[in-house]
């Protein structure tokens, strides 16, 4: 006798519901279920964060294009991935007492408070930057035929890729003992971010010449950074 799906009420015709896709094997929620769910979401080979990060590292633009075209079950959702990785980064940033502004000084700005705010709200801050980058990439690459929401996906995955390298940099920032060491690591991280952006956009917008992709990516990111800098300056001055 066919079982009824507990999610939508449809009778099963196999292991998964034909209507909503829920599995016929529903496990009791206990600690084992929670642990399995955590492992599956973060580390599962087919659609976990580790697998998606590895694919973004190898072929960022191709991976993102696959996701947009419909190959989605293999990958961790882009916005969720940003939230998870940015939250982890903010938590470690706070626990390690890293101060990005420890060598900065100004009478108008309390950099210690600003640093604490960034550490505590890093996931929110990262999410808020994505629409800016997406708007700029949508404007500069508008002729490539992707809508604004698809640019959100593109820039979310690229933000996750940057966060992956930012997480790797935290131990080095923590053990940096001098001004030169700290800024060397910071500048290296910026250089990696720039390289990843060019590589990701070049693979994603593969229908245009490389020189044009390079030029438009440069204009896109400079414009986005300028807009973000103006918005941050207004917030810092007015708060």
C-alpha atoms as a PDB file:
ATOM      1  CA  UNK A   1       0.000   0.000   0.000  1.00  0.00           C
ATOM      2  CA  UNK A   2       1.398   3.352  -1.049  1.00  0.00           C
ATOM      3  CA  UNK A   3       2.295   5.763   1.724  1.00  0.00           C
ATOM      4  CA  UNK A   4       1.025   9.305   1.852  1.00  0.00           C
ATOM      5  CA  UNK A   5       3.579  12.143   1.754  1.00  0.00           C
ATOM      6  CA  UNK A   6       3.595  13.871   5.129  1.00  0.00           C
ATOM      7  CA  UNK A   7       4.503  17.150   3.481  1.00  0.00           C
ATOM      8  CA  UNK A   8       1.782  17.531   0.808  1.00  0.00           C
ATOM      9  CA  UNK A   9      -0.451  14.450   1.066  1.00  0.00           C
ATOM     10  CA  UNK A  10       0.381  12.951  -2.352  1.00  0.00           C
ATOM     11  CA  UNK A  11       0.679   9.143  -2.558  1.00  0.00           C
ATOM     12  CA  UNK A  12       4.245   7.964  -3.111  1.00  0.00           C
ATOM     13  CA  UNK A  13       5.082   6.185  -6.365  1.00  0.00           C
ATOM     14  CA  UNK A  14       8.716   5.670  -5.452  1.00  0.00           C
ATOM     15  CA  UNK A  15      11.258   6.761  -2.850  1.00  0.00           C
ATOM     16  CA  UNK A  16      10.463  10.447  -3.374  1.00  0.00           C
ATOM     17  CA  UNK A  17       7.190  12.365  -3.666  1.00  0.00           C
ATOM     18  CA  UNK A  18       6.281  13.170  -7.280  1.00  0.00           C
ATOM     19  CA  UNK A  19       4.695  16.444  -6.178  1.00  0.00           C
ATOM     20  CA  UNK A  20       7.080  18.053  -3.685  1.00  0.00           C
ATOM     21  CA  UNK A  21      10.160  15.797  -3.799  1.00  0.00           C
ATOM     22  CA  UNK A  22      10.210  14.868  -0.104  1.00  0.00           C
ATOM     23  CA  UNK A  23      11.785  11.515   0.726  1.00  0.00           C
ATOM     24  CA  UNK A  24       9.534   8.635   1.804  1.00  0.00           C
ATOM     25  CA  UNK A  25      12.010   7.789   4.561  1.00  0.00           C
ATOM     26  CA  UNK A  26      11.300  10.406   7.241  1.00  0.00           C
ATOM     27  CA  UNK A  27      13.583  10.059  10.251  1.00  0.00           C
ATOM     28  CA  UNK A  28      12.689  11.034  13.793  1.00  0.00           C
ATOM     29  CA  UNK A  29      14.227  14.355  14.801  1.00  0.00           C
ATOM     30  CA  UNK A  30      16.908  13.671  17.416  1.00  0.00           C
ATOM     31  CA  UNK A  31      20.594  14.471  17.928  1.00  0.00           C
ATOM     32  CA  UNK A  32      21.543  11.938  15.275  1.00  0.00           C
ATOM     33  CA  UNK A  33      19.237  13.700  12.792  1.00  0.00           C
ATOM     34  CA  UNK A  34      20.717  17.115  13.643  1.00  0.00           C
ATOM     35  CA  UNK A  35      24.294  15.846  13.268  1.00  0.00           C
ATOM     36  CA  UNK A  36      23.487  14.160   9.931  1.00  0.00           C
ATOM     37  CA  UNK A  37      21.789  17.320   8.680  1.00  0.00           C
ATOM     38  CA  UNK A  38      24.834  19.408   9.631  1.00  0.00           C
ATOM     39  CA  UNK A  39      27.214  17.017   7.897  1.00  0.00           C
ATOM     40  CA  UNK A  40      25.033  16.792   4.811  1.00  0.00           C
ATOM     41  CA  UNK A  41      24.605  20.540   4.466  1.00  0.00           C
ATOM     42  CA  UNK A  42      28.201  21.562   5.053  1.00  0.00           C
ATOM     43  CA  UNK A  43      30.375  18.669   3.958  1.00  0.00           C
ATOM     44  CA  UNK A  44      28.355  16.336   1.700  1.00  0.00           C
ATOM     45  CA  UNK A  45      30.370  15.603  -1.432  1.00  0.00           C
ATOM     46  CA  UNK A  46      27.552  16.362  -3.863  1.00  0.00           C
ATOM     47  CA  UNK A  47      26.102  19.613  -2.528  1.00  0.00           C
ATOM     48  CA  UNK A  48      27.974  20.749   0.564  1.00  0.00           C
ATOM     49  CA  UNK A  49      29.951  23.940   1.095  1.00  0.00           C
ATOM     50  CA  UNK A  50      33.280  22.119   0.712  1.00  0.00           C
ATOM     51  CA  UNK A  51      32.300  20.672  -2.669  1.00  0.00           C
ATOM     52  CA  UNK A  52      30.873  23.985  -3.914  1.00  0.00           C
ATOM     53  CA  UNK A  53      33.964  25.890  -2.711  1.00  0.00           C
ATOM     54  CA  UNK A  54      36.207  23.411  -4.508  1.00  0.00           C
ATOM     55  CA  UNK A  55      34.232  23.805  -7.732  1.00  0.00           C
ATOM     56  CA  UNK A  56      34.357  27.607  -7.425  1.00  0.00           C
ATOM     57  CA  UNK A  57      38.106  27.390  -6.898  1.00  0.00           C
ATOM     58  CA  UNK A  58      38.630  25.229  -9.996  1.00  0.00           C
ATOM     59  CA  UNK A  59      36.103  26.698 -12.438  1.00  0.00           C
ATOM     60  CA  UNK A  60      34.221  29.636 -10.878  1.00  0.00           C
ATOM     61  CA  UNK A  61      32.512  31.086 -13.943  1.00  0.00           C
ATOM     62  CA  UNK A  62      31.613  27.698 -15.399  1.00  0.00           C
ATOM     63  CA  UNK A  63      30.236  26.491 -12.044  1.00  0.00           C
ATOM     64  CA  UNK A  64      28.062  29.599 -11.620  1.00  0.00           C
ATOM     65  CA  UNK A  65      26.807  29.347 -15.198  1.00  0.00           C
ATOM     66  CA  UNK A  66      25.865  25.690 -14.606  1.00  0.00           C
ATOM     67  CA  UNK A  67      23.882  26.713 -11.534  1.00  0.00           C
ATOM     68  CA  UNK A  68      22.018  29.467 -13.380  1.00  0.00           C
ATOM     69  CA  UNK A  69      21.212  27.150 -16.290  1.00  0.00           C
ATOM     70  CA  UNK A  70      19.638  24.590 -13.956  1.00  0.00           C
ATOM     71  CA  UNK A  71      22.290  22.254 -12.504  1.00  0.00           C
ATOM     72  CA  UNK A  72      21.425  23.207  -8.930  1.00  0.00           C
ATOM     73  CA  UNK A  73      21.061  20.035  -6.893  1.00  0.00           C
ATOM     74  CA  UNK A  74      24.837  19.563  -6.770  1.00  0.00           C
ATOM     75  CA  UNK A  75      25.606  22.971  -5.292  1.00  0.00           C
ATOM     76  CA  UNK A  76      25.014  24.746  -2.007  1.00  0.00           C
ATOM     77  CA  UNK A  77      22.574  27.690  -2.475  1.00  0.00           C
ATOM     78  CA  UNK A  78      24.579  30.894  -3.176  1.00  0.00           C
ATOM     79  CA  UNK A  79      22.997  33.333  -0.696  1.00  0.00           C
ATOM     80  CA  UNK A  80      22.895  30.690   2.061  1.00  0.00           C
ATOM     81  CA  UNK A  81      26.539  29.958   1.370  1.00  0.00           C
ATOM     82  CA  UNK A  82      27.439  33.630   1.824  1.00  0.00           C
ATOM     83  CA  UNK A  83      25.530  33.764   5.120  1.00  0.00           C
ATOM     84  CA  UNK A  84      27.198  30.627   6.510  1.00  0.00           C
ATOM     85  CA  UNK A  85      30.730  31.554   5.464  1.00  0.00           C
ATOM     86  CA  UNK A  86      30.416  35.231   6.441  1.00  0.00           C
ATOM     87  CA  UNK A  87      28.993  34.290   9.839  1.00  0.00           C
ATOM     88  CA  UNK A  88      31.874  31.864  10.392  1.00  0.00           C
ATOM     89  CA  UNK A  89      34.360  34.526   9.333  1.00  0.00           C
ATOM     90  CA  UNK A  90      32.808  37.130  11.641  1.00  0.00           C
ATOM     91  CA  UNK A  91      32.809  34.681  14.555  1.00  0.00           C
ATOM     92  CA  UNK A  92      36.478  33.730  14.116  1.00  0.00           C
ATOM     93  CA  UNK A  93      37.398  37.374  13.473  1.00  0.00           C
ATOM     94  CA  UNK A  94      35.813  38.273  16.809  1.00  0.00           C
ATOM     95  CA  UNK A  95      37.217  35.306  18.772  1.00  0.00           C
ATOM     96  CA  UNK A  96      40.759  35.887  17.503  1.00  0.00           C
ATOM     97  CA  UNK A  97      40.494  39.621  18.368  1.00  0.00           C
ATOM     98  CA  UNK A  98      41.727  40.656  14.947  1.00  0.00           C
ATOM     99  CA  UNK A  99      41.654  44.397  14.355  1.00  0.00           C
ATOM    100  CA  UNK A 100      41.788  45.495  10.726  1.00  0.00           C
ATOM    101  CA  UNK A 101      42.154  49.110  11.843  1.00  0.00           C
ATOM    102  CA  UNK A 102      44.711  48.628  14.614  1.00  0.00           C
ATOM    103  CA  UNK A 103      47.220  50.874  12.851  1.00  0.00           C
ATOM    104  CA  UNK A 104      44.656  53.509  11.835  1.00  0.00           C
ATOM    105  CA  UNK A 105      44.021  56.674  13.819  1.00  0.00           C
ATOM    106  CA  UNK A 106      41.534  59.507  13.533  1.00  0.00           C
ATOM    107  CA  UNK A 107      39.873  61.912  15.906  1.00  0.00           C
ATOM    108  CA  UNK A 108      36.614  61.726  13.944  1.00  0.00           C
ATOM    109  CA  UNK A 109      36.291  57.925  13.861  1.00  0.00           C
ATOM    110  CA  UNK A 110      36.486  55.375  16.678  1.00  0.00           C
ATOM    111  CA  UNK A 111      38.146  52.539  14.742  1.00  0.00           C
ATOM    112  CA  UNK A 112      37.895  50.103  17.658  1.00  0.00           C
ATOM    113  CA  UNK A 113      34.105  50.430  17.671  1.00  0.00           C
ATOM    114  CA  UNK A 114      34.017  50.178  13.878  1.00  0.00           C
ATOM    115  CA  UNK A 115      36.115  47.008  14.017  1.00  0.00           C
ATOM    116  CA  UNK A 116      33.839  45.463  16.650  1.00  0.00           C
ATOM    117  CA  UNK A 117      30.778  46.323  14.571  1.00  0.00           C
ATOM    118  CA  UNK A 118      32.239  44.720  11.454  1.00  0.00           C
ATOM    119  CA  UNK A 119      33.142  41.556  13.374  1.00  0.00           C
ATOM    120  CA  UNK A 120      29.665  41.291  14.891  1.00  0.00           C
ATOM    121  CA  UNK A 121      27.745  42.121  11.692  1.00  0.00           C
ATOM    122  CA  UNK A 122      30.043  40.707   9.011  1.00  0.00           C
ATOM    123  CA  UNK A 123      27.397  38.480   7.417  1.00  0.00           C
ATOM    124  CA  UNK A 124      24.949  41.399   7.197  1.00  0.00           C
ATOM    125  CA  UNK A 125      27.646  43.694   5.834  1.00  0.00           C
ATOM    126  CA  UNK A 126      28.678  41.133   3.206  1.00  0.00           C
ATOM    127  CA  UNK A 127      25.073  40.544   2.130  1.00  0.00           C
ATOM    128  CA  UNK A 128      24.490  44.293   1.829  1.00  0.00           C
ATOM    129  CA  UNK A 129      27.472  44.663  -0.520  1.00  0.00           C
ATOM    130  CA  UNK A 130      26.196  42.041  -2.981  1.00  0.00           C
ATOM    131  CA  UNK A 131      23.380  44.210  -4.465  1.00  0.00           C
ATOM    132  CA  UNK A 132      25.936  46.970  -5.142  1.00  0.00           C
ATOM    133  CA  UNK A 133      28.266  44.613  -7.018  1.00  0.00           C
ATOM    134  CA  UNK A 134      25.291  43.009  -8.756  1.00  0.00           C
ATOM    135  CA  UNK A 135      23.878  46.345  -9.880  1.00  0.00           C
ATOM    136  CA  UNK A 136      27.248  47.363 -11.339  1.00  0.00           C
ATOM    137  CA  UNK A 137      27.857  44.026 -13.079  1.00  0.00           C
ATOM    138  CA  UNK A 138      24.295  44.144 -14.450  1.00  0.00           C
ATOM    139  CA  UNK A 139      24.921  47.631 -15.883  1.00  0.00           C
ATOM    140  CA  UNK A 140      28.369  46.945 -17.369  1.00  0.00           C
ATOM    141  CA  UNK A 141      27.534  43.452 -18.678  1.00  0.00           C
ATOM    142  CA  UNK A 142      23.906  44.146 -19.587  1.00  0.00           C
ATOM    143  CA  UNK A 143      24.381  43.073 -23.224  1.00  0.00           C
ATOM    144  CA  UNK A 144      25.234  39.525 -22.086  1.00  0.00           C
ATOM    145  CA  UNK A 145      21.548  38.826 -21.427  1.00  0.00           C
ATOM    146  CA  UNK A 146      21.483  37.991 -17.699  1.00  0.00           C
ATOM    147  CA  UNK A 147      18.849  39.547 -15.460  1.00  0.00           C
ATOM    148  CA  UNK A 148      19.558  41.287 -12.163  1.00  0.00           C
ATOM    149  CA  UNK A 149      18.653  38.240 -10.053  1.00  0.00           C
ATOM    150  CA  UNK A 150      21.156  36.125 -11.996  1.00  0.00           C
ATOM    151  CA  UNK A 151      23.789  38.757 -11.274  1.00  0.00           C
ATOM    152  CA  UNK A 152      22.873  38.375  -7.579  1.00  0.00           C
ATOM    153  CA  UNK A 153      23.677  34.648  -7.905  1.00  0.00           C
ATOM    154  CA  UNK A 154      26.928  35.410  -9.731  1.00  0.00           C
ATOM    155  CA  UNK A 155      28.155  37.885  -7.135  1.00  0.00           C
ATOM    156  CA  UNK A 156      26.978  35.751  -4.201  1.00  0.00           C
ATOM    157  CA  UNK A 157      29.074  32.826  -5.384  1.00  0.00           C
ATOM    158  CA  UNK A 158      32.050  35.118  -6.026  1.00  0.00           C
ATOM    159  CA  UNK A 159      31.628  36.609  -2.535  1.00  0.00           C
ATOM    160  CA  UNK A 160      31.694  33.068  -1.110  1.00  0.00           C
ATOM    161  CA  UNK A 161      34.880  32.412  -3.027  1.00  0.00           C
ATOM    162  CA  UNK A 162      36.486  35.536  -1.547  1.00  0.00           C
ATOM    163  CA  UNK A 163      35.290  34.538   1.925  1.00  0.00           C
ATOM    164  CA  UNK A 164      36.956  31.145   1.535  1.00  0.00           C
ATOM    165  CA  UNK A 165      40.351  32.814   1.084  1.00  0.00           C
ATOM    166  CA  UNK A 166      39.558  35.352   3.816  1.00  0.00           C
ATOM    167  CA  UNK A 167      38.979  32.459   6.231  1.00  0.00           C
ATOM    168  CA  UNK A 168      42.328  30.974   5.246  1.00  0.00           C
ATOM    169  CA  UNK A 169      44.022  34.324   5.908  1.00  0.00           C
ATOM    170  CA  UNK A 170      42.760  34.702   9.498  1.00  0.00           C
ATOM    171  CA  UNK A 171      45.542  32.654  11.178  1.00  0.00           C
ATOM    172  CA  UNK A 172      48.168  34.701   9.315  1.00  0.00           C
ATOM    173  CA  UNK A 173      46.538  37.991  10.339  1.00  0.00           C
ATOM    174  CA  UNK A 174      46.347  36.732  13.912  1.00  0.00           C
ATOM    175  CA  UNK A 175      50.057  35.940  14.071  1.00  0.00           C
ATOM    176  CA  UNK A 176      51.177  39.087  12.228  1.00  0.00           C
ATOM    177  CA  UNK A 177      53.431  40.837  14.723  1.00  0.00           C
ATOM    178  CA  UNK A 178      54.285  44.011  12.866  1.00  0.00           C
ATOM    179  CA  UNK A 179      52.766  46.671  10.644  1.00  0.00           C
ATOM    180  CA  UNK A 180      54.638  45.368   7.589  1.00  0.00           C
ATOM    181  CA  UNK A 181      53.500  41.767   8.115  1.00  0.00           C
ATOM    182  CA  UNK A 182      49.892  42.782   8.670  1.00  0.00           C
ATOM    183  CA  UNK A 183      49.657  44.949   5.584  1.00  0.00           C
ATOM    184  CA  UNK A 184      51.609  42.483   3.428  1.00  0.00           C
ATOM    185  CA  UNK A 185      48.994  39.826   4.186  1.00  0.00           C
ATOM    186  CA  UNK A 186      46.156  42.321   3.677  1.00  0.00           C
ATOM    187  CA  UNK A 187      47.529  43.481   0.303  1.00  0.00           C
ATOM    188  CA  UNK A 188      48.091  39.873  -0.783  1.00  0.00           C
ATOM    189  CA  UNK A 189      44.472  39.099   0.088  1.00  0.00           C
ATOM    190  CA  UNK A 190      43.283  42.091  -1.968  1.00  0.00           C
ATOM    191  CA  UNK A 191      45.414  40.893  -4.903  1.00  0.00           C
ATOM    192  CA  UNK A 192      43.853  37.418  -4.638  1.00  0.00           C
ATOM    193  CA  UNK A 193      40.359  38.958  -4.531  1.00  0.00           C
ATOM    194  CA  UNK A 194      41.084  40.971  -7.686  1.00  0.00           C
ATOM    195  CA  UNK A 195      42.486  37.912  -9.478  1.00  0.00           C
ATOM    196  CA  UNK A 196      39.446  35.818  -8.509  1.00  0.00           C
ATOM    197  CA  UNK A 197      37.084  38.527  -9.747  1.00  0.00           C
ATOM    198  CA  UNK A 198      38.787  38.744 -13.146  1.00  0.00           C
ATOM    199  CA  UNK A 199      38.934  34.947 -13.479  1.00  0.00           C
ATOM    200  CA  UNK A 200      35.315  34.463 -12.444  1.00  0.00           C
ATOM    201  CA  UNK A 201      33.950  37.145 -14.769  1.00  0.00           C
ATOM    202  CA  UNK A 202      36.171  36.017 -17.657  1.00  0.00           C
ATOM    203  CA  UNK A 203      34.836  32.444 -17.426  1.00  0.00           C
ATOM    204  CA  UNK A 204      31.243  33.509 -16.854  1.00  0.00           C
ATOM    205  CA  UNK A 205      31.110  36.078 -19.675  1.00  0.00           C
ATOM    206  CA  UNK A 206      33.037  33.889 -22.108  1.00  0.00           C
ATOM    207  CA  UNK A 207      31.168  35.206 -25.159  1.00  0.00           C
ATOM    208  CA  UNK A 208      33.152  38.471 -25.156  1.00  0.00           C
ATOM    209  CA  UNK A 209      36.907  38.996 -25.751  1.00  0.00           C
ATOM    210  CA  UNK A 210      39.191  38.732 -22.722  1.00  0.00           C
ATOM    211  CA  UNK A 211      40.339  42.343 -23.022  1.00  0.00           C
ATOM    212  CA  UNK A 212      36.745  43.563 -22.949  1.00  0.00           C
ATOM    213  CA  UNK A 213      35.912  41.324 -19.987  1.00  0.00           C
ATOM    214  CA  UNK A 214      38.985  42.682 -18.167  1.00  0.00           C
ATOM    215  CA  UNK A 215      38.008  46.296 -18.874  1.00  0.00           C
ATOM    216  CA  UNK A 216      34.362  45.882 -17.887  1.00  0.00           C
ATOM    217  CA  UNK A 217      35.277  43.949 -14.722  1.00  0.00           C
ATOM    218  CA  UNK A 218      37.655  46.743 -13.713  1.00  0.00           C
ATOM    219  CA  UNK A 219      35.001  49.410 -14.290  1.00  0.00           C
ATOM    220  CA  UNK A 220      32.403  47.298 -12.486  1.00  0.00           C
ATOM    221  CA  UNK A 221      34.431  46.784  -9.329  1.00  0.00           C
ATOM    222  CA  UNK A 222      35.832  50.324  -9.185  1.00  0.00           C
ATOM    223  CA  UNK A 223      32.318  51.728  -9.474  1.00  0.00           C
ATOM    224  CA  UNK A 224      30.937  49.360  -6.832  1.00  0.00           C
ATOM    225  CA  UNK A 225      33.795  50.116  -4.410  1.00  0.00           C
ATOM    226  CA  UNK A 226      33.348  53.861  -4.955  1.00  0.00           C
ATOM    227  CA  UNK A 227      29.609  53.658  -4.232  1.00  0.00           C
ATOM    228  CA  UNK A 228      30.227  51.508  -1.143  1.00  0.00           C
ATOM    229  CA  UNK A 229      32.933  53.870   0.110  1.00  0.00           C
ATOM    230  CA  UNK A 230      30.611  56.874  -0.256  1.00  0.00           C
ATOM    231  CA  UNK A 231      27.800  55.045   1.581  1.00  0.00           C
ATOM    232  CA  UNK A 232      30.137  53.971   4.403  1.00  0.00           C
ATOM    233  CA  UNK A 233      31.543  57.495   4.743  1.00  0.00           C
ATOM    234  CA  UNK A 234      28.017  58.902   5.033  1.00  0.00           C
ATOM    235  CA  UNK A 235      27.103  56.301   7.676  1.00  0.00           C
ATOM    236  CA  UNK A 236      30.301  56.893   9.702  1.00  0.00           C
ATOM    237  CA  UNK A 237      29.856  60.670   9.645  1.00  0.00           C
ATOM    238  CA  UNK A 238      26.169  60.623  10.534  1.00  0.00           C
ATOM    239  CA  UNK A 239      26.176  57.901  13.219  1.00  0.00           C
END
